[in-house]
Protein backbone atom coordinates (compact mmCIF):
# COMPACT_ATOMS: atom_id res chain seq x y z
CA UNK A 1 143.43 162.14 165.18
CA UNK A 2 141.70 163.96 162.28
CA UNK A 3 138.57 162.39 160.95
CA UNK A 4 138.82 161.60 157.27
CA UNK A 5 135.86 162.21 155.03
CA UNK A 6 135.15 159.91 152.13
CA UNK A 7 135.65 161.25 148.63
CA UNK A 8 132.14 161.14 147.19
CA UNK A 9 133.37 162.10 143.73
CA UNK A 10 134.68 158.57 143.28
CA UNK A 11 131.33 156.95 144.17
CA UNK A 12 128.82 159.52 142.94
CA UNK A 13 127.73 158.82 139.36
CA UNK A 14 128.35 161.66 136.99
CA UNK A 15 125.50 163.07 134.99
CA UNK A 16 125.84 162.38 131.28
CA UNK A 17 126.32 165.38 129.05
CA UNK A 18 123.21 164.93 126.92
CA UNK A 19 121.43 167.51 124.74
CA UNK A 20 118.55 169.61 125.97
CA UNK A 21 116.19 169.69 123.03
CA UNK A 22 115.08 171.71 121.13
CA UNK A 23 117.83 174.16 122.13
CA UNK A 24 120.65 171.64 121.67
CA UNK A 25 122.54 172.81 124.72
CA UNK A 26 124.22 170.43 127.15
CA UNK A 27 121.99 169.55 130.12
CA UNK A 28 124.97 169.64 132.49
CA UNK A 29 127.26 172.49 131.39
CA UNK A 30 124.92 174.50 129.11
CA UNK A 31 127.51 174.60 126.31
CA UNK A 32 126.39 173.99 122.73
CA UNK A 33 125.96 170.24 122.40
CA UNK A 34 128.01 168.20 121.75
CA UNK A 35 130.10 169.89 124.41
CA UNK A 36 133.75 168.87 124.94
CA UNK A 37 132.79 166.25 127.55
CA UNK A 38 130.12 164.78 125.25
CA UNK A 39 132.62 164.66 122.39
CA UNK A 40 135.14 162.84 124.55
CA UNK A 41 132.48 160.40 125.73
CA UNK A 42 131.31 159.75 122.17
CA UNK A 43 134.89 159.17 121.00
CA UNK A 44 135.30 156.62 123.80
CA UNK A 45 131.98 154.90 123.07
CA UNK A 46 132.74 154.64 119.35
CA UNK A 47 136.49 154.07 119.68
CA UNK A 48 136.38 151.07 117.36
CA UNK A 49 133.48 152.19 115.16
CA UNK A 50 134.27 155.47 113.43
CA UNK A 51 131.64 154.85 110.76
CA UNK A 52 129.02 154.24 113.44
CA UNK A 53 129.98 157.52 115.13
CA UNK A 54 129.63 159.38 111.82
CA UNK A 55 126.23 157.83 111.13
CA UNK A 56 125.02 158.68 114.64
CA UNK A 57 126.26 162.27 114.39
CA UNK A 58 124.63 162.75 110.97
CA UNK A 59 121.32 161.57 112.40
CA UNK A 60 121.69 163.92 115.36
CA UNK A 61 122.59 166.78 112.99
CA UNK A 62 119.38 166.19 111.05
CA UNK A 63 117.31 166.35 114.24
CA UNK A 64 119.15 169.46 115.45
CA UNK A 65 118.66 171.26 112.14
CA UNK A 66 114.92 170.58 112.26
CA UNK A 67 114.64 171.74 115.89
CA UNK A 68 116.81 174.84 115.53
CA UNK A 69 115.14 176.01 112.32
CA UNK A 70 111.72 175.44 113.89
CA UNK A 71 112.77 177.71 116.78
CA UNK A 72 114.11 180.43 114.50
CA UNK A 73 112.89 179.99 110.92
CA UNK A 74 113.80 183.46 109.66
CA UNK A 75 117.36 183.67 110.92
CA UNK A 76 118.33 180.05 111.41
CA UNK A 77 121.81 178.76 112.19
CA UNK A 78 124.50 178.59 109.52
CA UNK A 79 124.52 175.11 107.90
CA UNK A 80 128.33 175.00 107.72
CA UNK A 81 128.62 175.90 111.40
CA UNK A 82 126.12 173.20 112.32
CA UNK A 83 128.04 170.62 110.29
CA UNK A 84 131.29 171.55 112.02
CA UNK A 85 129.62 171.50 115.44
CA UNK A 86 127.89 168.14 115.05
CA UNK A 87 129.95 166.14 112.56
CA UNK A 88 133.13 167.93 111.54
CA UNK A 89 134.95 167.44 114.84
CA UNK A 90 134.71 163.66 114.54
CA UNK A 91 136.30 163.31 111.12
CA UNK A 92 139.54 161.34 111.21
CA UNK A 93 142.65 163.43 110.90
CA UNK A 94 144.72 162.83 107.79
CA UNK A 95 148.41 162.30 108.20
CA UNK A 96 150.63 164.55 106.13
């Protein structure tokens, strides 16, 4: 009779996809933070508080801008791209 091995994925806690500052890359997948997993997690956490999510993301954007410009003051990131990356994805979609 074959020996079955337990599925440790079900019992092993997953590492949260948090930012690695001051680079603002995901600590788990190294994608620009908020990575897709972090975005999904944030949407779930703030499912009933869209305004709270927007306020949180604006605060994080402010910290990221300060960190990223400190790292590269002469050729810093594009402000519009940073807005889209940190805040723009969370805006509610308008129905047409």
